[in-house]
PDB file of N, CA and C in Angstrom:
ATOM      1  N   MET A   1     -21.463   3.445  14.875  1.00  0.00           N
ATOM      2  CA  MET A   1     -20.394   3.857  15.527  1.00  0.00           C
ATOM      3  C   MET A   1     -20.644   5.382  15.237  1.00  0.00           C
ATOM      4  N   PHE A   2     -20.827   5.892  13.884  1.00  0.00           N
ATOM      5  CA  PHE A   2     -20.711   7.311  13.767  1.00  0.00           C
ATOM      6  C   PHE A   2     -22.284   7.705  12.943  1.00  0.00           C
ATOM      7  N   SER A   3     -23.328   7.649  13.759  1.00  0.00           N
ATOM      8  CA  SER A   3     -24.900   7.284  13.617  1.00  0.00           C
ATOM      9  C   SER A   3     -24.998   8.707  13.854  1.00  0.00           C
ATOM     10  N   SER A   4     -24.537   9.688  14.508  1.00  0.00           N
ATOM     11  CA  SER A   4     -24.906  11.007  14.680  1.00  0.00           C
ATOM     12  C   SER A   4     -24.417  11.887  13.437  1.00  0.00           C
ATOM     13  N   LEU A   5     -23.474  11.212  12.942  1.00  0.00           N
ATOM     14  CA  LEU A   5     -23.125  12.313  11.860  1.00  0.00           C
ATOM     15  C   LEU A   5     -23.985  11.843  10.375  1.00  0.00           C
ATOM     16  N   SER A   6     -24.048  13.241   9.697  1.00  0.00           N
ATOM     17  CA  SER A   6     -24.712  13.135   8.430  1.00  0.00           C
ATOM     18  C   SER A   6     -24.102  12.398   7.373  1.00  0.00           C
ATOM     19  N   ASP A   7     -24.655  12.106   6.057  1.00  0.00           N
ATOM     20  CA  ASP A   7     -23.822  11.646   5.136  1.00  0.00           C
ATOM     21  C   ASP A   7     -22.745  12.308   4.871  1.00  0.00           C
ATOM     22  N   THR A   8     -23.047  13.838   4.824  1.00  0.00           N
ATOM     23  CA  THR A   8     -21.517  14.523   4.470  1.00  0.00           C
ATOM     24  C   THR A   8     -20.601  14.376   5.164  1.00  0.00           C
ATOM     25  N   GLY A   9     -20.725  14.108   6.448  1.00  0.00           N
ATOM     26  CA  GLY A   9     -19.839  13.944   7.543  1.00  0.00           C
ATOM     27  C   GLY A   9     -19.127  12.158   7.507  1.00  0.00           C
ATOM     28  N   LEU A  10     -20.067  11.614   7.056  1.00  0.00           N
ATOM     29  CA  LEU A  10     -19.642  10.216   6.785  1.00  0.00           C
ATOM     30  C   LEU A  10     -18.475  10.453   5.609  1.00  0.00           C
ATOM     31  N   ILE A  11     -18.835  11.129   4.677  1.00  0.00           N
ATOM     32  CA  ILE A  11     -18.129  10.888   3.457  1.00  0.00           C
ATOM     33  C   ILE A  11     -17.057  11.350   3.771  1.00  0.00           C
ATOM     34  N   ALA A  12     -16.894  12.679   4.507  1.00  0.00           N
ATOM     35  CA  ALA A  12     -15.633  13.372   4.905  1.00  0.00           C
ATOM     36  C   ALA A  12     -14.611  12.800   5.789  1.00  0.00           C
ATOM     37  N   VAL A  13     -15.390  11.697   6.323  1.00  0.00           N
ATOM     38  CA  VAL A  13     -14.314  10.907   7.045  1.00  0.00           C
ATOM     39  C   VAL A  13     -13.869   9.549   6.629  1.00  0.00           C
ATOM     40  N   ALA A  14     -14.767   9.242   5.361  1.00  0.00           N
ATOM     41  CA  ALA A  14     -14.186   8.201   4.845  1.00  0.00           C
ATOM     42  C   ALA A  14     -13.043   9.027   3.762  1.00  0.00           C
ATOM     43  N   ALA A  15     -13.196   9.897   3.674  1.00  0.00           N
ATOM     44  CA  ALA A  15     -12.270  10.894   2.415  1.00  0.00           C
ATOM     45  C   ALA A  15     -11.023  10.682   3.197  1.00  0.00           C
ATOM     46  N   VAL A  16     -10.958  11.271   4.553  1.00  0.00           N
ATOM     47  CA  VAL A  16     -10.096  11.560   5.683  1.00  0.00           C
ATOM     48  C   VAL A  16      -8.909  10.060   5.624  1.00  0.00           C
ATOM     49  N   VAL A  17     -10.068   9.078   5.897  1.00  0.00           N
ATOM     50  CA  VAL A  17      -9.196   7.709   5.802  1.00  0.00           C
ATOM     51  C   VAL A  17      -8.603   7.261   4.934  1.00  0.00           C
ATOM     52  N   VAL A  18      -9.249   7.515   3.612  1.00  0.00           N
ATOM     53  CA  VAL A  18      -8.665   7.032   2.180  1.00  0.00           C
ATOM     54  C   VAL A  18      -7.109   7.689   2.162  1.00  0.00           C
ATOM     55  N   VAL A  19      -7.117   9.277   2.509  1.00  0.00           N
ATOM     56  CA  VAL A  19      -6.016   9.924   2.443  1.00  0.00           C
ATOM     57  C   VAL A  19      -4.936   9.627   3.041  1.00  0.00           C
ATOM     58  N   PHE A  20      -5.185   9.266   4.581  1.00  0.00           N
ATOM     59  CA  PHE A  20      -4.560   8.390   5.054  1.00  0.00           C
ATOM     60  C   PHE A  20      -3.821   7.407   5.058  1.00  0.00           C
ATOM     61  N   VAL A  21      -4.658   6.427   4.304  1.00  0.00           N
ATOM     62  CA  VAL A  21      -3.829   5.136   3.927  1.00  0.00           C
ATOM     63  C   VAL A  21      -3.285   5.435   2.933  1.00  0.00           C
ATOM     64  N   LEU A  22      -3.381   6.046   1.863  1.00  0.00           N
ATOM     65  CA  LEU A  22      -2.815   6.245   0.517  1.00  0.00           C
ATOM     66  C   LEU A  22      -1.446   7.024   1.202  1.00  0.00           C
ATOM     67  N   TYR A  23      -1.302   7.554   2.059  1.00  0.00           N
ATOM     68  CA  TYR A  23      -0.134   8.355   2.622  1.00  0.00           C
ATOM     69  C   TYR A  23       0.682   7.051   3.363  1.00  0.00           C
ATOM     70  N   LEU A  24       0.292   6.146   4.284  1.00  0.00           N
ATOM     71  CA  LEU A  24       0.807   5.018   4.370  1.00  0.00           C
ATOM     72  C   LEU A  24       1.203   4.147   3.409  1.00  0.00           C
ATOM     73  N   ALA A  25       0.639   4.047   2.377  1.00  0.00           N
ATOM     74  CA  ALA A  25       0.742   3.051   1.022  1.00  0.00           C
ATOM     75  C   ALA A  25       2.443   3.806   0.705  1.00  0.00           C
ATOM     76  N   LEU A  26       2.222   5.306   0.393  1.00  0.00           N
ATOM     77  CA  LEU A  26       3.095   5.643  -0.557  1.00  0.00           C
ATOM     78  C   LEU A  26       4.734   5.875   0.881  1.00  0.00           C
ATOM     79  N   LYS A  27       4.095   5.657   2.100  1.00  0.00           N
ATOM     80  CA  LYS A  27       5.826   5.657   2.840  1.00  0.00           C
ATOM     81  C   LYS A  27       6.189   3.985   3.007  1.00  0.00           C
ATOM     82  N   THR A  28       5.170   2.974   2.330  1.00  0.00           N
ATOM     83  CA  THR A  28       5.727   1.848   2.705  1.00  0.00           C
ATOM     84  C   THR A  28       6.652   1.577   1.520  1.00  0.00           C
ATOM     85  N   PRO A  29       7.902   0.505   1.885  1.00  0.00           N
ATOM     86  CA  PRO A  29       8.610   0.098   0.864  1.00  0.00           C
ATOM     87  C   PRO A  29       8.145  -0.819  -0.264  1.00  0.00           C
ATOM     88  N   PRO A  30       8.886  -0.605  -1.156  1.00  0.00           N
ATOM     89  CA  PRO A  30       8.255  -1.595  -2.466  1.00  0.00           C
ATOM     90  C   PRO A  30       8.395  -3.016  -2.089  1.00  0.00           C
ATOM     91  N   ASN A  31       9.075  -3.468  -1.324  1.00  0.00           N
ATOM     92  CA  ASN A  31       9.623  -4.856  -1.131  1.00  0.00           C
ATOM     93  C   ASN A  31       8.387  -5.603  -0.053  1.00  0.00           C
ATOM     94  N   GLN A  32       7.812  -4.286   0.639  1.00  0.00           N
ATOM     95  CA  GLN A  32       6.558  -5.211   1.357  1.00  0.00           C
ATOM     96  C   GLN A  32       5.232  -4.849   0.548  1.00  0.00           C
ATOM     97  N   VAL A  33       5.169  -6.025  -0.485  1.00  0.00           N
ATOM     98  CA  VAL A  33       4.273  -6.288  -1.204  1.00  0.00           C
ATOM     99  C   VAL A  33       2.675  -6.532  -0.825  1.00  0.00           C
ATOM    100  N   LEU A  34       2.808  -7.299   0.227  1.00  0.00           N
ATOM    101  CA  LEU A  34       1.365  -7.676   0.746  1.00  0.00           C
ATOM    102  C   LEU A  34       0.594  -6.657   1.243  1.00  0.00           C
ATOM    103  N   ALA A  35       1.578  -5.698   1.917  1.00  0.00           N
ATOM    104  CA  ALA A  35       1.016  -4.457   2.807  1.00  0.00           C
ATOM    105  C   ALA A  35       0.143  -3.602   1.554  1.00  0.00           C
ATOM    106  N   ARG A  36       1.418  -3.357   0.573  1.00  0.00           N
ATOM    107  CA  ARG A  36       0.434  -2.085  -0.676  1.00  0.00           C
ATOM    108  C   ARG A  36      -0.579  -2.841  -1.231  1.00  0.00           C
ATOM    109  N   ILE A  37      -0.729  -4.315  -1.172  1.00  0.00           N
ATOM    110  CA  ILE A  37      -1.775  -4.868  -1.998  1.00  0.00           C
ATOM    111  C   ILE A  37      -3.007  -4.699  -0.913  1.00  0.00           C
ATOM    112  N   GLY A  38      -2.513  -4.765   0.466  1.00  0.00           N
ATOM    113  CA  GLY A  38      -3.642  -4.492   1.714  1.00  0.00           C
ATOM    114  C   GLY A  38      -4.272  -2.967   1.328  1.00  0.00           C
ATOM    115  N   PHE A  39      -3.211  -1.947   1.538  1.00  0.00           N
ATOM    116  CA  PHE A  39      -3.601  -0.918   1.431  1.00  0.00           C
ATOM    117  C   PHE A  39      -4.483  -0.448  -0.124  1.00  0.00           C
ATOM    118  N   ALA A  40      -4.209  -1.093  -1.135  1.00  0.00           N
ATOM    119  CA  ALA A  40      -4.797  -0.831  -2.461  1.00  0.00           C
ATOM    120  C   ALA A  40      -6.312  -1.450  -1.985  1.00  0.00           C
ATOM    121  N   LEU A  41      -6.384  -2.516  -1.143  1.00  0.00           N
ATOM    122  CA  LEU A  41      -7.721  -3.177  -1.016  1.00  0.00           C
ATOM    123  C   LEU A  41      -8.667  -2.426  -0.248  1.00  0.00           C
ATOM    124  N   ILE A  42      -7.611  -1.696   0.722  1.00  0.00           N
ATOM    125  CA  ILE A  42      -8.442  -0.741   1.662  1.00  0.00           C
ATOM    126  C   ILE A  42      -9.365   0.525   0.812  1.00  0.00           C
ATOM    127  N   VAL A  43      -8.536   0.756   0.167  1.00  0.00           N
ATOM    128  CA  VAL A  43      -8.844   2.224  -0.529  1.00  0.00           C
ATOM    129  C   VAL A  43     -10.068   1.998  -1.683  1.00  0.00           C
ATOM    130  N   GLY A  44      -9.764   0.786  -1.920  1.00  0.00           N
ATOM    131  CA  GLY A  44     -10.898   0.372  -2.970  1.00  0.00           C
ATOM    132  C   GLY A  44     -12.161   0.253  -2.333  1.00  0.00           C
ATOM    133  N   GLY A  45     -11.748  -0.331  -0.991  1.00  0.00           N
ATOM    134  CA  GLY A  45     -13.323  -0.753  -0.379  1.00  0.00           C
ATOM    135  C   GLY A  45     -13.844   0.284   0.150  1.00  0.00           C
ATOM    136  N   ALA A  46     -13.214   1.351   0.589  1.00  0.00           N
ATOM    137  CA  ALA A  46     -13.710   2.746   1.298  1.00  0.00           C
ATOM    138  C   ALA A  46     -14.183   3.644  -0.136  1.00  0.00           C
ATOM    139  N   LEU A  47     -13.402   3.528  -0.872  1.00  0.00           N
ATOM    140  CA  LEU A  47     -14.226   4.240  -2.349  1.00  0.00           C
ATOM    141  C   LEU A  47     -15.360   3.989  -2.671  1.00  0.00           C
ATOM    142  N   GLY A  48     -15.636   2.589  -2.782  1.00  0.00           N
ATOM    143  CA  GLY A  48     -16.926   1.680  -3.051  1.00  0.00           C
ATOM    144  C   GLY A  48     -18.101   2.048  -1.927  1.00  0.00           C
ATOM    145  N   ASN A  49     -17.619   2.075  -0.884  1.00  0.00           N
ATOM    146  CA  ASN A  49     -18.754   2.566   0.463  1.00  0.00           C
ATOM    147  C   ASN A  49     -19.047   4.157   0.036  1.00  0.00           C
ATOM    148  N   VAL A  50     -18.010   4.695  -0.208  1.00  0.00           N
ATOM    149  CA  VAL A  50     -18.633   6.333  -0.564  1.00  0.00           C
ATOM    150  C   VAL A  50     -18.966   6.385  -1.931  1.00  0.00           C
ATOM    151  N   ILE A  51     -18.848   5.564  -2.606  1.00  0.00           N
ATOM    152  CA  ILE A  51     -20.090   5.877  -3.876  1.00  0.00           C
ATOM    153  C   ILE A  51     -21.206   5.603  -3.776  1.00  0.00           C
ATOM    154  N   ASP A  52     -21.298   4.320  -2.733  1.00  0.00           N
ATOM    155  CA  ASP A  52     -22.872   3.727  -2.526  1.00  0.00           C
ATOM    156  C   ASP A  52     -23.621   5.291  -1.809  1.00  0.00           C
ATOM    157  N   ARG A  53     -22.571   5.278  -1.120  1.00  0.00           N
ATOM    158  CA  ARG A  53     -23.257   6.514   0.122  1.00  0.00           C
ATOM    159  C   ARG A  53     -23.821   7.981  -0.819  1.00  0.00           C
ATOM    160  N   THR A  54     -22.913   8.379  -1.737  1.00  0.00           N
ATOM    161  CA  THR A  54     -23.268   9.613  -2.496  1.00  0.00           C
ATOM    162  C   THR A  54     -23.894   9.384  -3.618  1.00  0.00           C
ATOM    163  N   VAL A  55     -24.213   8.211  -4.030  1.00  0.00           N
ATOM    164  CA  VAL A  55     -25.111   7.767  -5.120  1.00  0.00           C
ATOM    165  C   VAL A  55     -26.537   7.464  -4.460  1.00  0.00           C
ATOM    166  N   TYR A  56     -26.431   6.507  -3.208  1.00  0.00           N
ATOM    167  CA  TYR A  56     -27.801   6.237  -2.999  1.00  0.00           C
ATOM    168  C   TYR A  56     -28.352   6.705  -1.678  1.00  0.00           C
ATOM    169  N   GLY A  57     -27.330   7.326  -0.875  1.00  0.00           N
ATOM    170  CA  GLY A  57     -27.457   7.980   0.581  1.00  0.00           C
ATOM    171  C   GLY A  57     -27.073   6.808   1.678  1.00  0.00           C
ATOM    172  N   HIS A  58     -26.866   5.946   1.288  1.00  0.00           N
ATOM    173  CA  HIS A  58     -26.576   4.526   2.233  1.00  0.00           C
ATOM    174  C   HIS A  58     -25.614   3.770   1.480  1.00  0.00           C
ATOM    175  N   VAL A  59     -25.126   3.033   2.530  1.00  0.00           N
ATOM    176  CA  VAL A  59     -24.333   1.832   1.797  1.00  0.00           C
ATOM    177  C   VAL A  59     -25.311   0.580   1.476  1.00  0.00           C
ATOM    178  N   ILE A  60     -25.329  -0.132   0.442  1.00  0.00           N
ATOM    179  CA  ILE A  60     -26.046  -1.000   0.261  1.00  0.00           C
ATOM    180  C   ILE A  60     -25.280  -2.259   0.513  1.00  0.00           C
ATOM    181  N   ASP A  61     -25.700  -3.082   1.629  1.00  0.00           N
ATOM    182  CA  ASP A  61     -25.130  -4.546   1.950  1.00  0.00           C
ATOM    183  C   ASP A  61     -26.152  -5.415   1.357  1.00  0.00           C
ATOM    184  N   TYR A  62     -25.308  -6.368   0.792  1.00  0.00           N
ATOM    185  CA  TYR A  62     -26.168  -7.593   0.145  1.00  0.00           C
ATOM    186  C   TYR A  62     -25.716  -8.899   0.402  1.00  0.00           C
ATOM    187  N   ILE A  63     -24.596  -9.207   1.173  1.00  0.00           N
ATOM    188  CA  ILE A  63     -24.115 -10.691   1.855  1.00  0.00           C
ATOM    189  C   ILE A  63     -24.446 -10.976   3.049  1.00  0.00           C
ATOM    190  N   LEU A  64     -25.091 -11.863   3.350  1.00  0.00           N
ATOM    191  CA  LEU A  64     -25.956 -12.400   4.616  1.00  0.00           C
ATOM    192  C   LEU A  64     -25.552 -13.854   4.671  1.00  0.00           C
ATOM    193  N   PHE A  65     -24.430 -14.449   5.960  1.00  0.00           N
ATOM    194  CA  PHE A  65     -24.981 -15.917   5.811  1.00  0.00           C
ATOM    195  C   PHE A  65     -25.812 -16.275   6.921  1.00  0.00           C
ATOM    196  N   HIS A  66     -26.681 -16.928   6.677  1.00  0.00           N
ATOM    197  CA  HIS A  66     -27.630 -17.078   7.586  1.00  0.00           C
ATOM    198  C   HIS A  66     -28.204 -19.058   7.697  1.00  0.00           C
ATOM    199  N   THR A  67     -28.433 -19.338   8.628  1.00  0.00           N
ATOM    200  CA  THR A  67     -28.672 -20.751   8.637  1.00  0.00           C
ATOM    201  C   THR A  67     -30.022 -20.845   9.465  1.00  0.00           C
ATOM    202  N   PRO A  68     -30.857 -21.921   9.657  1.00  0.00           N
ATOM    203  CA  PRO A  68     -31.492 -21.862  10.991  1.00  0.00           C
ATOM    204  C   PRO A  68     -31.174 -21.441  12.291  1.00  0.00           C
ATOM    205  N   ILE A  69     -30.206 -21.834  12.720  1.00  0.00           N
ATOM    206  CA  ILE A  69     -29.753 -21.705  14.216  1.00  0.00           C
ATOM    207  C   ILE A  69     -28.234 -20.466  14.241  1.00  0.00           C
ATOM    208  N   TRP A  70     -28.002 -19.887  13.190  1.00  0.00           N
ATOM    209  CA  TRP A  70     -26.944 -19.062  13.261  1.00  0.00           C
ATOM    210  C   TRP A  70     -27.008 -17.805  12.111  1.00  0.00           C
ATOM    211  N   SER A  71     -27.129 -16.769  12.238  1.00  0.00           N
ATOM    212  CA  SER A  71     -27.066 -15.626  11.381  1.00  0.00           C
ATOM    213  C   SER A  71     -25.622 -14.525  11.501  1.00  0.00           C
ATOM    214  N   PHE A  72     -25.012 -14.531  10.584  1.00  0.00           N
ATOM    215  CA  PHE A  72     -24.053 -13.245  10.797  1.00  0.00           C
ATOM    216  C   PHE A  72     -24.153 -12.183  10.128  1.00  0.00           C
ATOM    217  N   ALA A  73     -23.684 -11.220  10.131  1.00  0.00           N
ATOM    218  CA  ALA A  73     -23.945  -9.765   9.888  1.00  0.00           C
ATOM    219  C   ALA A  73     -24.026  -9.535   8.489  1.00  0.00           C
ATOM    220  N   ILE A  74     -24.688  -8.791   8.201  1.00  0.00           N
ATOM    221  CA  ILE A  74     -24.782  -8.475   6.559  1.00  0.00           C
ATOM    222  C   ILE A  74     -23.989  -7.758   6.384  1.00  0.00           C
ATOM    223  N   PHE A  75     -23.363  -7.651   5.167  1.00  0.00           N
ATOM    224  CA  PHE A  75     -22.193  -6.728   4.777  1.00  0.00           C
ATOM    225  C   PHE A  75     -22.133  -7.076   3.486  1.00  0.00           C
ATOM    226  N   ASN A  76     -21.395  -6.138   2.597  1.00  0.00           N
ATOM    227  CA  ASN A  76     -20.959  -5.901   0.949  1.00  0.00           C
ATOM    228  C   ASN A  76     -19.475  -5.978   0.775  1.00  0.00           C
ATOM    229  N   LEU A  77     -19.276  -6.494  -0.721  1.00  0.00           N
ATOM    230  CA  LEU A  77     -18.130  -6.711  -0.897  1.00  0.00           C
ATOM    231  C   LEU A  77     -17.092  -5.482  -0.618  1.00  0.00           C
ATOM    232  N   ALA A  78     -17.265  -4.122  -0.540  1.00  0.00           N
ATOM    233  CA  ALA A  78     -16.484  -3.301  -0.588  1.00  0.00           C
ATOM    234  C   ALA A  78     -16.012  -3.472   1.060  1.00  0.00           C
ATOM    235  N   ASP A  79     -16.688  -4.219   2.402  1.00  0.00           N
ATOM    236  CA  ASP A  79     -16.324  -4.268   3.617  1.00  0.00           C
ATOM    237  C   ASP A  79     -15.611  -5.563   3.345  1.00  0.00           C
ATOM    238  N   VAL A  80     -15.514  -6.740   2.771  1.00  0.00           N
ATOM    239  CA  VAL A  80     -14.730  -7.762   2.710  1.00  0.00           C
ATOM    240  C   VAL A  80     -13.250  -7.284   2.150  1.00  0.00           C
ATOM    241  N   PHE A  81     -13.482  -6.337   1.056  1.00  0.00           N
ATOM    242  CA  PHE A  81     -12.109  -5.478   0.489  1.00  0.00           C
ATOM    243  C   PHE A  81     -11.464  -5.244   1.927  1.00  0.00           C
ATOM    244  N   ILE A  82     -12.066  -4.233   2.558  1.00  0.00           N
ATOM    245  CA  ILE A  82     -11.305  -3.473   3.665  1.00  0.00           C
ATOM    246  C   ILE A  82     -10.867  -4.528   4.701  1.00  0.00           C
ATOM    247  N   SER A  83     -11.686  -5.602   5.318  1.00  0.00           N
ATOM    248  CA  SER A  83     -11.060  -6.493   5.951  1.00  0.00           C
ATOM    249  C   SER A  83     -10.105  -6.956   5.789  1.00  0.00           C
ATOM    250  N   VAL A  84     -10.132  -7.539   4.558  1.00  0.00           N
ATOM    251  CA  VAL A  84      -8.964  -8.733   3.925  1.00  0.00           C
ATOM    252  C   VAL A  84      -7.515  -7.686   3.799  1.00  0.00           C
ATOM    253  N   GLY A  85      -7.673  -6.390   3.247  1.00  0.00           N
ATOM    254  CA  GLY A  85      -6.635  -5.585   3.352  1.00  0.00           C
ATOM    255  C   GLY A  85      -6.167  -5.046   4.629  1.00  0.00           C
ATOM    256  N   ALA A  86      -7.023  -4.898   5.678  1.00  0.00           N
ATOM    257  CA  ALA A  86      -6.721  -4.773   7.139  1.00  0.00           C
ATOM    258  C   ALA A  86      -5.618  -5.959   7.491  1.00  0.00           C
ATOM    259  N   ALA A  87      -6.313  -6.953   7.135  1.00  0.00           N
ATOM    260  CA  ALA A  87      -5.798  -8.329   7.570  1.00  0.00           C
ATOM    261  C   ALA A  87      -4.036  -8.573   6.956  1.00  0.00           C
ATOM    262  N   ALA A  88      -3.952  -8.010   5.572  1.00  0.00           N
ATOM    263  CA  ALA A  88      -2.972  -8.445   4.818  1.00  0.00           C
ATOM    264  C   ALA A  88      -1.993  -7.414   5.415  1.00  0.00           C
ATOM    265  N   VAL A  89      -2.510  -6.393   5.506  1.00  0.00           N
ATOM    266  CA  VAL A  89      -1.358  -5.198   6.211  1.00  0.00           C
ATOM    267  C   VAL A  89      -0.737  -5.596   7.513  1.00  0.00           C
ATOM    268  N   VAL A  90      -1.642  -5.998   8.529  1.00  0.00           N
ATOM    269  CA  VAL A  90      -0.968  -6.505   9.689  1.00  0.00           C
ATOM    270  C   VAL A  90      -0.362  -7.837   9.565  1.00  0.00           C
ATOM    271  N   LEU A  91      -0.714  -8.665   8.679  1.00  0.00           N
ATOM    272  CA  LEU A  91       0.517  -9.919   8.489  1.00  0.00           C
ATOM    273  C   LEU A  91       1.475  -9.312   8.048  1.00  0.00           C
ATOM    274  N   ASP A  92       1.506  -8.383   7.273  1.00  0.00           N
ATOM    275  CA  ASP A  92       2.754  -7.999   6.503  1.00  0.00           C
ATOM    276  C   ASP A  92       3.441  -7.392   7.551  1.00  0.00           C
ATOM    277  N   GLU A  93       2.960  -6.900   8.606  1.00  0.00           N
ATOM    278  CA  GLU A  93       3.767  -6.112   9.512  1.00  0.00           C
ATOM    279  C   GLU A  93       4.640  -7.464  10.572  1.00  0.00           C
ATOM    280  N   PHE A  94       3.824  -8.492  10.684  1.00  0.00           N
ATOM    281  CA  PHE A  94       4.225  -9.374  11.721  1.00  0.00           C
ATOM    282  C   PHE A  94       5.227 -10.205  10.859  1.00  0.00           C
ATOM    283  N   LEU A  95       5.285 -10.303   9.452  1.00  0.00           N
ATOM    284  CA  LEU A  95       6.383 -11.057   8.630  1.00  0.00           C
ATOM    285  C   LEU A  95       7.730 -10.193   8.704  1.00  0.00           C
ATOM    286  N   SER A  96       7.279  -8.891   8.403  1.00  0.00           N
ATOM    287  CA  SER A  96       8.692  -7.968   8.428  1.00  0.00           C
ATOM    288  C   SER A  96       9.346  -8.141  10.084  1.00  0.00           C
ATOM    289  N   TRP A  97       8.528  -8.004  11.132  1.00  0.00           N
ATOM    290  CA  TRP A  97       9.406  -7.978  12.278  1.00  0.00           C
ATOM    291  C   TRP A  97      10.014  -9.469  12.233  1.00  0.00           C
ATOM    292  N   ARG A  98       9.326 -10.499  11.920  1.00  0.00           N
ATOM    293  CA  ARG A  98      10.209 -11.722  11.618  1.00  0.00           C
ATOM    294  C   ARG A  98      11.350 -11.700  10.690  1.00  0.00           C
ATOM    295  N   ARG A  99      11.467 -10.984   9.808  1.00  0.00           N
ATOM    296  CA  ARG A  99      12.593 -11.007   8.766  1.00  0.00           C
ATOM    297  C   ARG A  99      13.643 -10.052   9.135  1.00  0.00           C
ATOM    298  N   GLN A 100      13.340  -8.903  10.288  1.00  0.00           N
ATOM    299  CA  GLN A 100      14.407  -8.044  10.685  1.00  0.00           C
ATOM    300  C   GLN A 100      15.701  -9.179  11.336  1.00  0.00           C
ATOM    301  N   PRO A 101      16.859  -8.934  11.465  1.00  0.00           N
ATOM    302  CA  PRO A 101      17.877  -9.276  11.967  1.00  0.00           C
ATOM    303  C   PRO A 101      17.755  -8.781  13.389  1.00  0.00           C
ATOM    304  N   ARG A 102      18.223 -10.088  14.153  1.00  0.00           N
ATOM    305  CA  ARG A 102      17.971  -9.983  15.641  1.00  0.00           C
ATOM    306  C   ARG A 102      19.574  -9.807  16.322  1.00  0.00           C
ATOM    307  N   PRO A 103      19.467  -8.686  17.271  1.00  0.00           N
ATOM    308  CA  PRO A 103      20.567  -8.473  17.746  1.00  0.00           C
ATOM    309  C   PRO A 103      21.473  -9.325  18.546  1.00  0.00           C
TER     310      PRO A 103
END
């Protein structure tokens, strides 16, 4: 998706995303625990990928689910944190909509 960006550009994009997610986390009410955990996972995963990119020049992916008839994308633990965190934030939003009183 961002293949035309250099490593510095990718690090800058990740930094902007981390700052934005931290802003959202600070604006989230303390009673929305699932969303706050989700934001923490997203920030942790993004920082993990940034560390890989700054130290190695690329992100190291090391998890591959593969069978003789099926193969899934290769990814790393930071990617899992980002995906699970995003799912937690979305789930918390749906749950908070259901908790709101109806007129």
